[in-house]
PDB file of N, CA and C in Angstrom:
ATOM      1  N   MET A   1       0.846  -1.183   0.000  1.00  0.00           N
ATOM      2  CA  MET A   1       0.000   0.000   0.000  1.00  0.00           C
ATOM      3  C   MET A   1       0.889   1.243   0.000  1.00  0.00           C
ATOM      4  N   GLN A   2       0.468   2.238  -0.722  1.00  0.00           N
ATOM      5  CA  GLN A   2       1.275   3.441  -0.827  1.00  0.00           C
ATOM      6  C   GLN A   2       1.171   4.295   0.428  1.00  0.00           C
ATOM      7  N   SER A   3       2.191   5.093   0.670  1.00  0.00           N
ATOM      8  CA  SER A   3       2.191   5.964   1.830  1.00  0.00           C
ATOM      9  C   SER A   3       1.356   7.210   1.544  1.00  0.00           C
ATOM     10  N   PHE A   4       1.047   7.939   2.602  1.00  0.00           N
ATOM     11  CA  PHE A   4       0.242   9.150   2.449  1.00  0.00           C
ATOM     12  C   PHE A   4       0.985  10.194   1.613  1.00  0.00           C
ATOM     13  N   ALA A   5       2.302  10.288   1.777  1.00  0.00           N
ATOM     14  CA  ALA A   5       3.093  11.251   0.996  1.00  0.00           C
ATOM     15  C   ALA A   5       3.028  10.917  -0.495  1.00  0.00           C
ATOM     16  N   GLU A   6       3.122   9.629  -0.829  1.00  0.00           N
ATOM     17  CA  GLU A   6       3.003   9.223  -2.234  1.00  0.00           C
ATOM     18  C   GLU A   6       1.610   9.535  -2.767  1.00  0.00           C
ATOM     19  N   PHE A   7       0.604   9.283  -1.938  1.00  0.00           N
ATOM     20  CA  PHE A   7      -0.772   9.571  -2.322  1.00  0.00           C
ATOM     21  C   PHE A   7      -0.943  11.062  -2.615  1.00  0.00           C
ATOM     22  N   LEU A   8      -0.379  11.913  -1.747  1.00  0.00           N
ATOM     23  CA  LEU A   8      -0.479  13.356  -1.953  1.00  0.00           C
ATOM     24  C   LEU A   8       0.175  13.779  -3.261  1.00  0.00           C
ATOM     25  N   ARG A   9       1.326  13.220  -3.539  1.00  0.00           N
ATOM     26  CA  ARG A   9       2.052  13.564  -4.756  1.00  0.00           C
ATOM     27  C   ARG A   9       1.308  13.094  -6.006  1.00  0.00           C
ATOM     28  N   GLU A  10       0.875  11.832  -6.005  1.00  0.00           N
ATOM     29  CA  GLU A  10       0.297  11.243  -7.206  1.00  0.00           C
ATOM     30  C   GLU A  10      -1.175  11.587  -7.401  1.00  0.00           C
ATOM     31  N   LYS A  11      -1.981  11.320  -6.406  1.00  0.00           N
ATOM     32  CA  LYS A  11      -3.429  11.504  -6.548  1.00  0.00           C
ATOM     33  C   LYS A  11      -3.894  12.899  -6.141  1.00  0.00           C
ATOM     34  N   GLY A  12      -3.284  13.446  -5.097  1.00  0.00           N
ATOM     35  CA  GLY A  12      -3.691  14.753  -4.607  1.00  0.00           C
ATOM     36  C   GLY A  12      -3.096  15.905  -5.381  1.00  0.00           C
ATOM     37  N   ARG A  13      -2.098  15.590  -6.206  1.00  0.00           N
ATOM     38  CA  ARG A  13      -1.413  16.598  -7.012  1.00  0.00           C
ATOM     39  C   ARG A  13      -0.852  17.742  -6.173  1.00  0.00           C
ATOM     40  N   ILE A  14      -0.273  17.380  -5.049  1.00  0.00           N
ATOM     41  CA  ILE A  14       0.342  18.357  -4.162  1.00  0.00           C
ATOM     42  C   ILE A  14       1.813  18.484  -4.546  1.00  0.00           C
ATOM     43  N   GLN A  15       2.259  19.713  -4.746  1.00  0.00           N
ATOM     44  CA  GLN A  15       3.652  19.943  -5.111  1.00  0.00           C
ATOM     45  C   GLN A  15       4.563  19.523  -3.963  1.00  0.00           C
ATOM     46  N   SER A  16       5.749  19.050  -4.324  1.00  0.00           N
ATOM     47  CA  SER A  16       6.673  18.518  -3.317  1.00  0.00           C
ATOM     48  C   SER A  16       7.057  19.557  -2.263  1.00  0.00           C
ATOM     49  N   ARG A  17       7.069  20.832  -2.618  1.00  0.00           N
ATOM     50  CA  ARG A  17       7.433  21.851  -1.631  1.00  0.00           C
ATOM     51  C   ARG A  17       6.371  22.010  -0.542  1.00  0.00           C
ATOM     52  N   TYR A  18       5.127  21.581  -0.817  1.00  0.00           N
ATOM     53  CA  TYR A  18       4.051  21.674   0.171  1.00  0.00           C
ATOM     54  C   TYR A  18       3.853  20.381   0.959  1.00  0.00           C
ATOM     55  N   LEU A  19       4.470  19.287   0.534  1.00  0.00           N
ATOM     56  CA  LEU A  19       4.281  17.993   1.196  1.00  0.00           C
ATOM     57  C   LEU A  19       4.579  18.024   2.691  1.00  0.00           C
ATOM     58  N   PRO A  20       5.683  18.631   3.151  1.00  0.00           N
ATOM     59  CA  PRO A  20       5.939  18.634   4.600  1.00  0.00           C
ATOM     60  C   PRO A  20       4.812  19.295   5.401  1.00  0.00           C
ATOM     61  N   PHE A  21       4.207  20.320   4.830  1.00  0.00           N
ATOM     62  CA  PHE A  21       3.127  21.012   5.537  1.00  0.00           C
ATOM     63  C   PHE A  21       1.872  20.138   5.607  1.00  0.00           C
ATOM     64  N   TYR A  22       1.539  19.471   4.512  1.00  0.00           N
ATOM     65  CA  TYR A  22       0.379  18.588   4.493  1.00  0.00           C
ATOM     66  C   TYR A  22       0.573  17.424   5.458  1.00  0.00           C
ATOM     67  N   LEU A  23       1.775  16.871   5.499  1.00  0.00           N
ATOM     68  CA  LEU A  23       2.067  15.790   6.438  1.00  0.00           C
ATOM     69  C   LEU A  23       1.992  16.287   7.879  1.00  0.00           C
ATOM     70  N   HIS A  24       2.445  17.516   8.104  1.00  0.00           N
ATOM     71  CA  HIS A  24       2.382  18.120   9.442  1.00  0.00           C
ATOM     72  C   HIS A  24       0.930  18.272   9.903  1.00  0.00           C
ATOM     73  N   TRP A  25       0.071  18.795   9.012  1.00  0.00           N
ATOM     74  CA  TRP A  25      -1.339  18.984   9.379  1.00  0.00           C
ATOM     75  C   TRP A  25      -2.010  17.644   9.671  1.00  0.00           C
ATOM     76  N   ALA A  26      -1.712  16.630   8.880  1.00  0.00           N
ATOM     77  CA  ALA A  26      -2.306  15.309   9.097  1.00  0.00           C
ATOM     78  C   ALA A  26      -1.856  14.726  10.435  1.00  0.00           C
ATOM     79  N   ALA A  27      -0.571  14.895  10.766  1.00  0.00           N
ATOM     80  CA  ALA A  27      -0.062  14.400  12.050  1.00  0.00           C
ATOM     81  C   ALA A  27      -0.707  15.144  13.216  1.00  0.00           C
ATOM     82  N   MET A  28      -0.872  16.449  13.075  1.00  0.00           N
ATOM     83  CA  MET A  28      -1.530  17.226  14.126  1.00  0.00           C
ATOM     84  C   MET A  28      -2.974  16.781  14.306  1.00  0.00           C
ATOM     85  N   TYR A  29      -3.665  16.502  13.190  1.00  0.00           N
ATOM     86  CA  TYR A  29      -5.055  16.039  13.273  1.00  0.00           C
ATOM     87  C   TYR A  29      -5.128  14.689  13.982  1.00  0.00           C
ATOM     88  N   GLU A  30      -4.210  13.779  13.671  1.00  0.00           N
ATOM     89  CA  GLU A  30      -4.195  12.473  14.337  1.00  0.00           C
ATOM     90  C   GLU A  30      -4.064  12.624  15.846  1.00  0.00           C
ATOM     91  N   LYS A  31      -3.153  13.504  16.283  1.00  0.00           N
ATOM     92  CA  LYS A  31      -2.980  13.740  17.717  1.00  0.00           C
ATOM     93  C   LYS A  31      -4.246  14.326  18.326  1.00  0.00           C
ATOM     94  N   HIS A  32      -4.850  15.273  17.620  1.00  0.00           N
ATOM     95  CA  HIS A  32      -6.079  15.900  18.108  1.00  0.00           C
ATOM     96  C   HIS A  32      -7.205  14.880  18.202  1.00  0.00           C
ATOM     97  N   ALA A  33      -7.366  14.060  17.173  1.00  0.00           N
ATOM     98  CA  ALA A  33      -8.428  13.057  17.159  1.00  0.00           C
ATOM     99  C   ALA A  33      -8.208  12.006  18.244  1.00  0.00           C
ATOM    100  N   ALA A  34      -6.955  11.627  18.487  1.00  0.00           N
ATOM    101  CA  ALA A  34      -6.650  10.654  19.533  1.00  0.00           C
ATOM    102  C   ALA A  34      -6.967  11.243  20.912  1.00  0.00           C
ATOM    103  N   GLY A  35      -6.701  12.521  21.089  1.00  0.00           N
ATOM    104  CA  GLY A  35      -6.999  13.183  22.354  1.00  0.00           C
ATOM    105  C   GLY A  35      -8.494  13.348  22.569  1.00  0.00           C
ATOM    106  N   ALA A  36      -9.245  13.548  21.472  1.00  0.00           N
ATOM    107  CA  ALA A  36     -10.689  13.714  21.581  1.00  0.00           C
ATOM    108  C   ALA A  36     -11.387  12.381  21.766  1.00  0.00           C
ATOM    109  N   GLY A  37     -10.719  11.294  21.438  1.00  0.00           N
ATOM    110  CA  GLY A  37     -11.332   9.973  21.545  1.00  0.00           C
ATOM    111  C   GLY A  37     -11.992   9.602  20.232  1.00  0.00           C
ATOM    112  N   ALA A  38     -11.685   8.437  19.733  1.00  0.00           N
ATOM    113  CA  ALA A  38     -12.187   8.011  18.422  1.00  0.00           C
ATOM    114  C   ALA A  38     -13.699   7.837  18.414  1.00  0.00           C
ATOM    115  N   SER A  39     -14.286   7.472  19.539  1.00  0.00           N
ATOM    116  CA  SER A  39     -15.724   7.223  19.561  1.00  0.00           C
ATOM    117  C   SER A  39     -16.532   8.495  19.795  1.00  0.00           C
ATOM    118  N   GLU A  40     -15.855   9.583  20.104  1.00  0.00           N
ATOM    119  CA  GLU A  40     -16.526  10.831  20.443  1.00  0.00           C
ATOM    120  C   GLU A  40     -16.873  11.634  19.190  1.00  0.00           C
ATOM    121  N   GLY A  41     -18.136  11.640  18.795  1.00  0.00           N
ATOM    122  CA  GLY A  41     -18.582  12.434  17.661  1.00  0.00           C
ATOM    123  C   GLY A  41     -18.187  11.844  16.321  1.00  0.00           C
ATOM    124  N   SER A  42     -18.659  12.500  15.274  1.00  0.00           N
ATOM    125  CA  SER A  42     -18.367  12.050  13.921  1.00  0.00           C
ATOM    126  C   SER A  42     -17.018  12.590  13.465  1.00  0.00           C
ATOM    127  N   SER A  43     -16.544  12.080  12.345  1.00  0.00           N
ATOM    128  CA  SER A  43     -15.271  12.570  11.820  1.00  0.00           C
ATOM    129  C   SER A  43     -15.397  14.034  11.418  1.00  0.00           C
ATOM    130  N   GLN A  44     -16.576  14.430  10.956  1.00  0.00           N
ATOM    131  CA  GLN A  44     -16.783  15.834  10.573  1.00  0.00           C
ATOM    132  C   GLN A  44     -16.712  16.747  11.801  1.00  0.00           C
ATOM    133  N   SER A  45     -17.298  16.326  12.912  1.00  0.00           N
ATOM    134  CA  SER A  45     -17.240  17.162  14.118  1.00  0.00           C
ATOM    135  C   SER A  45     -15.818  17.224  14.678  1.00  0.00           C
ATOM    136  N   ARG A  46     -15.064  16.106  14.578  1.00  0.00           N
ATOM    137  CA  ARG A  46     -13.659  16.135  15.020  1.00  0.00           C
ATOM    138  C   ARG A  46     -12.844  17.069  14.133  1.00  0.00           C
ATOM    139  N   LEU A  47     -13.123  17.049  12.829  1.00  0.00           N
ATOM    140  CA  LEU A  47     -12.411  17.936  11.906  1.00  0.00           C
ATOM    141  C   LEU A  47     -12.715  19.389  12.235  1.00  0.00           C
ATOM    142  N   GLU A  48     -13.981  19.718  12.447  1.00  0.00           N
ATOM    143  CA  GLU A  48     -14.359  21.098  12.759  1.00  0.00           C
ATOM    144  C   GLU A  48     -13.745  21.551  14.086  1.00  0.00           C
ATOM    145  N   SER A  49     -13.695  20.664  15.056  1.00  0.00           N
ATOM    146  CA  SER A  49     -13.066  20.984  16.341  1.00  0.00           C
ATOM    147  C   SER A  49     -11.574  21.260  16.150  1.00  0.00           C
ATOM    148  N   PHE A  50     -10.923  20.438  15.348  1.00  0.00           N
ATOM    149  CA  PHE A  50      -9.497  20.619  15.056  1.00  0.00           C
ATOM    150  C   PHE A  50      -9.258  21.950  14.362  1.00  0.00           C
ATOM    151  N   LEU A  51     -10.081  22.282  13.382  1.00  0.00           N
ATOM    152  CA  LEU A  51      -9.905  23.532  12.638  1.00  0.00           C
ATOM    153  C   LEU A  51     -10.182  24.749  13.518  1.00  0.00           C
ATOM    154  N   ALA A  52     -11.141  24.627  14.425  1.00  0.00           N
ATOM    155  CA  ALA A  52     -11.420  25.727  15.349  1.00  0.00           C
ATOM    156  C   ALA A  52     -10.219  25.976  16.270  1.00  0.00           C
ATOM    157  N   THR A  53      -9.578  24.895  16.687  1.00  0.00           N
ATOM    158  CA  THR A  53      -8.376  25.026  17.512  1.00  0.00           C
ATOM    159  C   THR A  53      -7.256  25.711  16.731  1.00  0.00           C
ATOM    160  N   LEU A  54      -7.094  25.315  15.469  1.00  0.00           N
ATOM    161  CA  LEU A  54      -6.054  25.921  14.637  1.00  0.00           C
ATOM    162  C   LEU A  54      -6.328  27.402  14.378  1.00  0.00           C
ATOM    163  N   ALA A  55      -7.602  27.754  14.216  1.00  0.00           N
ATOM    164  CA  ALA A  55      -7.965  29.133  13.885  1.00  0.00           C
ATOM    165  C   ALA A  55      -7.523  30.113  14.975  1.00  0.00           C
ATOM    166  N   GLN A  56      -7.347  29.622  16.192  1.00  0.00           N
ATOM    167  CA  GLN A  56      -6.913  30.484  17.282  1.00  0.00           C
ATOM    168  C   GLN A  56      -5.425  30.821  17.197  1.00  0.00           C
ATOM    169  N   GLN A  57      -4.645  29.980  16.501  1.00  0.00           N
ATOM    170  CA  GLN A  57      -3.192  30.152  16.485  1.00  0.00           C
ATOM    171  C   GLN A  57      -2.615  30.445  15.106  1.00  0.00           C
ATOM    172  N   TYR A  58      -3.333  30.111  14.050  1.00  0.00           N
ATOM    173  CA  TYR A  58      -2.783  30.210  12.700  1.00  0.00           C
ATOM    174  C   TYR A  58      -3.610  31.154  11.833  1.00  0.00           C
ATOM    175  N   GLN A  59      -3.017  31.552  10.715  1.00  0.00           N
ATOM    176  CA  GLN A  59      -3.700  32.431   9.773  1.00  0.00           C
ATOM    177  C   GLN A  59      -4.733  31.644   8.965  1.00  0.00           C
ATOM    178  N   ASP A  60      -5.659  32.387   8.340  1.00  0.00           N
ATOM    179  CA  ASP A  60      -6.739  31.752   7.597  1.00  0.00           C
ATOM    180  C   ASP A  60      -6.245  30.827   6.496  1.00  0.00           C
ATOM    181  N   TRP A  61      -5.223  31.239   5.750  1.00  0.00           N
ATOM    182  CA  TRP A  61      -4.742  30.405   4.656  1.00  0.00           C
ATOM    183  C   TRP A  61      -4.155  29.106   5.178  1.00  0.00           C
ATOM    184  N   GLN A  62      -3.578  29.144   6.381  1.00  0.00           N
ATOM    185  CA  GLN A  62      -3.025  27.933   6.967  1.00  0.00           C
ATOM    186  C   GLN A  62      -4.142  26.979   7.399  1.00  0.00           C
ATOM    187  N   VAL A  63      -5.225  27.548   7.919  1.00  0.00           N
ATOM    188  CA  VAL A  63      -6.369  26.725   8.322  1.00  0.00           C
ATOM    189  C   VAL A  63      -6.997  26.081   7.086  1.00  0.00           C
ATOM    190  N   ARG A  64      -7.087  26.834   5.983  1.00  0.00           N
ATOM    191  CA  ARG A  64      -7.626  26.262   4.741  1.00  0.00           C
ATOM    192  C   ARG A  64      -6.730  25.138   4.225  1.00  0.00           C
ATOM    193  N   GLN A  65      -5.416  25.347   4.312  1.00  0.00           N
ATOM    194  CA  GLN A  65      -4.485  24.309   3.892  1.00  0.00           C
ATOM    195  C   GLN A  65      -4.625  23.072   4.787  1.00  0.00           C
ATOM    196  N   ALA A  66      -4.779  23.295   6.080  1.00  0.00           N
ATOM    197  CA  ALA A  66      -4.954  22.184   7.019  1.00  0.00           C
ATOM    198  C   ALA A  66      -6.243  21.423   6.712  1.00  0.00           C
ATOM    199  N   ARG A  67      -7.325  22.145   6.404  1.00  0.00           N
ATOM    200  CA  ARG A  67      -8.599  21.495   6.061  1.00  0.00           C
ATOM    201  C   ARG A  67      -8.402  20.598   4.841  1.00  0.00           C
ATOM    202  N   HIS A  68      -7.738  21.106   3.831  1.00  0.00           N
ATOM    203  CA  HIS A  68      -7.498  20.328   2.618  1.00  0.00           C
ATOM    204  C   HIS A  68      -6.646  19.102   2.926  1.00  0.00           C
ATOM    205  N   ALA A  69      -5.595  19.286   3.716  1.00  0.00           N
ATOM    206  CA  ALA A  69      -4.701  18.181   4.065  1.00  0.00           C
ATOM    207  C   ALA A  69      -5.438  17.097   4.841  1.00  0.00           C
ATOM    208  N   VAL A  70      -6.252  17.500   5.794  1.00  0.00           N
ATOM    209  CA  VAL A  70      -6.952  16.519   6.632  1.00  0.00           C
ATOM    210  C   VAL A  70      -8.023  15.799   5.821  1.00  0.00           C
ATOM    211  N   ARG A  71      -8.719  16.502   4.953  1.00  0.00           N
ATOM    212  CA  ARG A  71      -9.714  15.832   4.110  1.00  0.00           C
ATOM    213  C   ARG A  71      -9.064  14.800   3.203  1.00  0.00           C
ATOM    214  N   LEU A  72      -7.905  15.140   2.638  1.00  0.00           N
ATOM    215  CA  LEU A  72      -7.181  14.161   1.831  1.00  0.00           C
ATOM    216  C   LEU A  72      -6.716  12.990   2.700  1.00  0.00           C
ATOM    217  N   TYR A  73      -6.281  13.299   3.913  1.00  0.00           N
ATOM    218  CA  TYR A  73      -5.839  12.245   4.832  1.00  0.00           C
ATOM    219  C   TYR A  73      -6.999  11.315   5.189  1.00  0.00           C
ATOM    220  N   LEU A  74      -8.155  11.883   5.482  1.00  0.00           N
ATOM    221  CA  LEU A  74      -9.318  11.060   5.816  1.00  0.00           C
ATOM    222  C   LEU A  74      -9.729  10.200   4.631  1.00  0.00           C
ATOM    223  N   TYR A  75      -9.694  10.766   3.442  1.00  0.00           N
ATOM    224  CA  TYR A  75     -10.008   9.991   2.247  1.00  0.00           C
ATOM    225  C   TYR A  75      -8.999   8.856   2.081  1.00  0.00           C
ATOM    226  N   PHE A  76      -7.719   9.166   2.248  1.00  0.00           N
ATOM    227  CA  PHE A  76      -6.664   8.162   2.115  1.00  0.00           C
ATOM    228  C   PHE A  76      -6.850   7.046   3.136  1.00  0.00           C
ATOM    229  N   SER A  77      -7.096   7.406   4.388  1.00  0.00           N
ATOM    230  CA  SER A  77      -7.221   6.395   5.439  1.00  0.00           C
ATOM    231  C   SER A  77      -8.494   5.567   5.257  1.00  0.00           C
ATOM    232  N   ARG A  78      -9.574   6.178   4.838  1.00  0.00           N
ATOM    233  CA  ARG A  78     -10.821   5.437   4.630  1.00  0.00           C
ATOM    234  C   ARG A  78     -10.734   4.520   3.412  1.00  0.00           C
ATOM    235  N   SER A  79     -10.068   4.955   2.369  1.00  0.00           N
ATOM    236  CA  SER A  79      -9.951   4.101   1.189  1.00  0.00           C
ATOM    237  C   SER A  79      -9.120   2.867   1.520  1.00  0.00           C
ATOM    238  N   GLY A  80      -8.140   3.016   2.395  1.00  0.00           N
ATOM    239  CA  GLY A  80      -7.354   1.865   2.842  1.00  0.00           C
ATOM    240  C   GLY A  80      -8.181   0.911   3.675  1.00  0.00           C
ATOM    241  N   GLU A  81      -9.068   1.466   4.531  1.00  0.00           N
ATOM    242  CA  GLU A  81      -9.941   0.632   5.349  1.00  0.00           C
ATOM    243  C   GLU A  81     -10.918  -0.142   4.478  1.00  0.00           C
ATOM    244  N   LYS A  82     -11.419   0.473   3.421  1.00  0.00           N
ATOM    245  CA  LYS A  82     -12.388  -0.194   2.559  1.00  0.00           C
ATOM    246  C   LYS A  82     -11.763  -1.382   1.860  1.00  0.00           C
ATOM    247  N   LEU A  83     -10.480  -1.265   1.527  1.00  0.00           N
ATOM    248  CA  LEU A  83      -9.814  -2.386   0.885  1.00  0.00           C
ATOM    249  C   LEU A  83      -9.652  -3.551   1.854  1.00  0.00           C
ATOM    250  N   LYS A  84      -9.462  -3.250   3.152  1.00  0.00           N
ATOM    251  CA  LYS A  84      -9.228  -4.292   4.141  1.00  0.00           C
ATOM    252  C   LYS A  84     -10.505  -4.789   4.793  1.00  0.00           C
ATOM    253  N   GLY A  85     -11.459  -3.874   5.029  1.00  0.00           N
ATOM    254  CA  GLY A  85     -12.630  -4.208   5.821  1.00  0.00           C
ATOM    255  C   GLY A  85     -13.748  -4.861   5.023  1.00  0.00           C
ATOM    256  N   PRO A  86     -14.735  -5.449   5.727  1.00  0.00           N
ATOM    257  CA  PRO A  86     -15.858  -6.077   5.036  1.00  0.00           C
ATOM    258  C   PRO A  86     -16.810  -5.027   4.473  1.00  0.00           C
ATOM    259  N   ALA A  87     -17.477  -5.365   3.397  1.00  0.00           N
ATOM    260  CA  ALA A  87     -18.448  -4.460   2.783  1.00  0.00           C
ATOM    261  C   ALA A  87     -19.785  -4.589   3.501  1.00  0.00           C
ATOM    262  N   LEU A  88     -20.590  -3.546   3.457  1.00  0.00           N
ATOM    263  CA  LEU A  88     -21.930  -3.605   4.017  1.00  0.00           C
ATOM    264  C   LEU A  88     -22.779  -4.554   3.189  1.00  0.00           C
ATOM    265  N   GLU A  89     -23.617  -5.321   3.866  1.00  0.00           N
ATOM    266  CA  GLU A  89     -24.419  -6.297   3.142  1.00  0.00           C
ATOM    267  C   GLU A  89     -25.696  -5.703   2.589  1.00  0.00           C
ATOM    268  N   SER A  90     -26.261  -4.701   3.244  1.00  0.00           N
ATOM    269  CA  SER A  90     -27.501  -4.110   2.755  1.00  0.00           C
ATOM    270  C   SER A  90     -27.520  -2.621   3.080  1.00  0.00           C
ATOM    271  N   PRO A  91     -28.347  -1.846   2.365  1.00  0.00           N
ATOM    272  CA  PRO A  91     -28.420  -0.407   2.636  1.00  0.00           C
ATOM    273  C   PRO A  91     -28.922  -0.092   4.037  1.00  0.00           C
ATOM    274  N   GLU A  92     -29.702  -0.999   4.625  1.00  0.00           N
ATOM    275  CA  GLU A  92     -30.234  -0.743   5.973  1.00  0.00           C
ATOM    276  C   GLU A  92     -29.129  -0.713   7.017  1.00  0.00           C
ATOM    277  N   GLU A  93     -28.005  -1.359   6.711  1.00  0.00           N
ATOM    278  CA  GLU A  93     -26.909  -1.415   7.669  1.00  0.00           C
ATOM    279  C   GLU A  93     -26.077  -0.137   7.667  1.00  0.00           C
ATOM    280  N   ALA A  94     -26.302   0.715   6.698  1.00  0.00           N
ATOM    281  CA  ALA A  94     -25.520   1.954   6.607  1.00  0.00           C
ATOM    282  C   ALA A  94     -25.879   2.867   7.768  1.00  0.00           C
ATOM    283  N   SER A  95     -24.851   3.398   8.430  1.00  0.00           N
ATOM    284  CA  SER A  95     -25.081   4.313   9.547  1.00  0.00           C
ATOM    285  C   SER A  95     -24.759   5.729   9.109  1.00  0.00           C
ATOM    286  N   SER A  96     -24.955   6.690   9.996  1.00  0.00           N
ATOM    287  CA  SER A  96     -24.630   8.073   9.660  1.00  0.00           C
ATOM    288  C   SER A  96     -23.127   8.239   9.446  1.00  0.00           C
ATOM    289  N   ASP A  97     -22.315   7.442  10.173  1.00  0.00           N
ATOM    290  CA  ASP A  97     -20.867   7.509   9.976  1.00  0.00           C
ATOM    291  C   ASP A  97     -20.478   7.068   8.571  1.00  0.00           C
ATOM    292  N   SER A  98     -21.119   6.012   8.070  1.00  0.00           N
ATOM    293  CA  SER A  98     -20.773   5.557   6.729  1.00  0.00           C
ATOM    294  C   SER A  98     -21.272   6.544   5.686  1.00  0.00           C
ATOM    295  N   GLN A  99     -22.383   7.234   5.965  1.00  0.00           N
ATOM    296  CA  GLN A  99     -22.861   8.265   5.045  1.00  0.00           C
ATOM    297  C   GLN A  99     -21.893   9.433   5.026  1.00  0.00           C
ATOM    298  N   GLU A 100     -21.368   9.811   6.190  1.00  0.00           N
ATOM    299  CA  GLU A 100     -20.358  10.868   6.255  1.00  0.00           C
ATOM    300  C   GLU A 100     -19.088  10.431   5.543  1.00  0.00           C
ATOM    301  N   SER A 101     -18.741   9.167   5.702  1.00  0.00           N
ATOM    302  CA  SER A 101     -17.574   8.625   5.014  1.00  0.00           C
ATOM    303  C   SER A 101     -17.768   8.707   3.506  1.00  0.00           C
ATOM    304  N   LEU A 102     -18.954   8.356   3.044  1.00  0.00           N
ATOM    305  CA  LEU A 102     -19.252   8.430   1.616  1.00  0.00           C
ATOM    306  C   LEU A 102     -19.172   9.867   1.126  1.00  0.00           C
ATOM    307  N   GLU A 103     -19.710  10.794   1.923  1.00  0.00           N
ATOM    308  CA  GLU A 103     -19.664  12.207   1.552  1.00  0.00           C
ATOM    309  C   GLU A 103     -18.219  12.712   1.477  1.00  0.00           C
ATOM    310  N   LEU A 104     -17.407  12.351   2.461  1.00  0.00           N
ATOM    311  CA  LEU A 104     -15.990  12.753   2.441  1.00  0.00           C
ATOM    312  C   LEU A 104     -15.259  12.132   1.260  1.00  0.00           C
ATOM    313  N   THR A 105     -15.574  10.873   0.962  1.00  0.00           N
ATOM    314  CA  THR A 105     -14.945  10.203  -0.174  1.00  0.00           C
ATOM    315  C   THR A 105     -15.324  10.886  -1.475  1.00  0.00           C
ATOM    316  N   LEU A 106     -16.609  11.168  -1.631  1.00  0.00           N
ATOM    317  CA  LEU A 106     -17.083  11.829  -2.847  1.00  0.00           C
ATOM    318  C   LEU A 106     -16.470  13.222  -2.977  1.00  0.00           C
ATOM    319  N   THR A 107     -16.442  13.970  -1.881  1.00  0.00           N
ATOM    320  CA  THR A 107     -15.841  15.304  -1.894  1.00  0.00           C
ATOM    321  C   THR A 107     -14.363  15.217  -2.260  1.00  0.00           C
ATOM    322  N   GLY A 108     -13.672  14.236  -1.681  1.00  0.00           N
ATOM    323  CA  GLY A 108     -12.255  14.051  -1.991  1.00  0.00           C
ATOM    324  C   GLY A 108     -12.024  13.735  -3.461  1.00  0.00           C
ATOM    325  N   LEU A 109     -12.854  12.850  -3.998  1.00  0.00           N
ATOM    326  CA  LEU A 109     -12.732  12.508  -5.417  1.00  0.00           C
ATOM    327  C   LEU A 109     -13.002  13.717  -6.315  1.00  0.00           C
ATOM    328  N   MET A 110     -14.022  14.472  -5.963  1.00  0.00           N
ATOM    329  CA  MET A 110     -14.348  15.651  -6.760  1.00  0.00           C
ATOM    330  C   MET A 110     -13.213  16.665  -6.704  1.00  0.00           C
ATOM    331  N   ARG A 111     -12.608  16.836  -5.537  1.00  0.00           N
ATOM    332  CA  ARG A 111     -11.486  17.778  -5.421  1.00  0.00           C
ATOM    333  C   ARG A 111     -10.272  17.293  -6.201  1.00  0.00           C
ATOM    334  N   LEU A 112     -10.043  15.975  -6.167  1.00  0.00           N
ATOM    335  CA  LEU A 112      -8.910  15.430  -6.913  1.00  0.00           C
ATOM    336  C   LEU A 112      -9.081  15.643  -8.416  1.00  0.00           C
ATOM    337  N   LYS A 113     -10.331  15.594  -8.873  1.00  0.00           N
ATOM    338  CA  LYS A 113     -10.604  15.797 -10.287  1.00  0.00           C
ATOM    339  C   LYS A 113     -10.871  17.262 -10.625  1.00  0.00           C
ATOM    340  N   HIS A 114     -10.746  18.127  -9.617  1.00  0.00           N
ATOM    341  CA  HIS A 114     -10.948  19.568  -9.775  1.00  0.00           C
ATOM    342  C   HIS A 114     -12.364  19.901 -10.275  1.00  0.00           C
ATOM    343  N   LEU A 115     -13.349  19.220  -9.717  1.00  0.00           N
ATOM    344  CA  LEU A 115     -14.741  19.477 -10.034  1.00  0.00           C
ATOM    345  C   LEU A 115     -15.322  20.403  -8.972  1.00  0.00           C
ATOM    346  N   SER A 116     -16.332  21.137  -9.343  1.00  0.00           N
ATOM    347  CA  SER A 116     -16.951  22.034  -8.365  1.00  0.00           C
ATOM    348  C   SER A 116     -18.065  21.333  -7.622  1.00  0.00           C
TER     349      SER A 116
END
């Protein structure tokens, strides 16, 4: 399986000069999410909490860059889980978390293809 840095370069089309920053934001998000507890809230609420924390210390463009980095990271991590994990057997089994996952995946794909 490819690393997140390779994913950013190839699929995310992130220039190599920005890679350290994207990796930094993803690592910061992981620490924040681990501190908040994985079972606490949805991934979207954890992301918003993380960005609100960043907004107190960083400039707006940095928060936007962090949002982009974390969304790509979430897409990368979820796509890896889908390859390893079992598929849902029926639509009734879909939860709000899987719907949020689908939304993040779709948003990530659209951003990768530069669609509005």
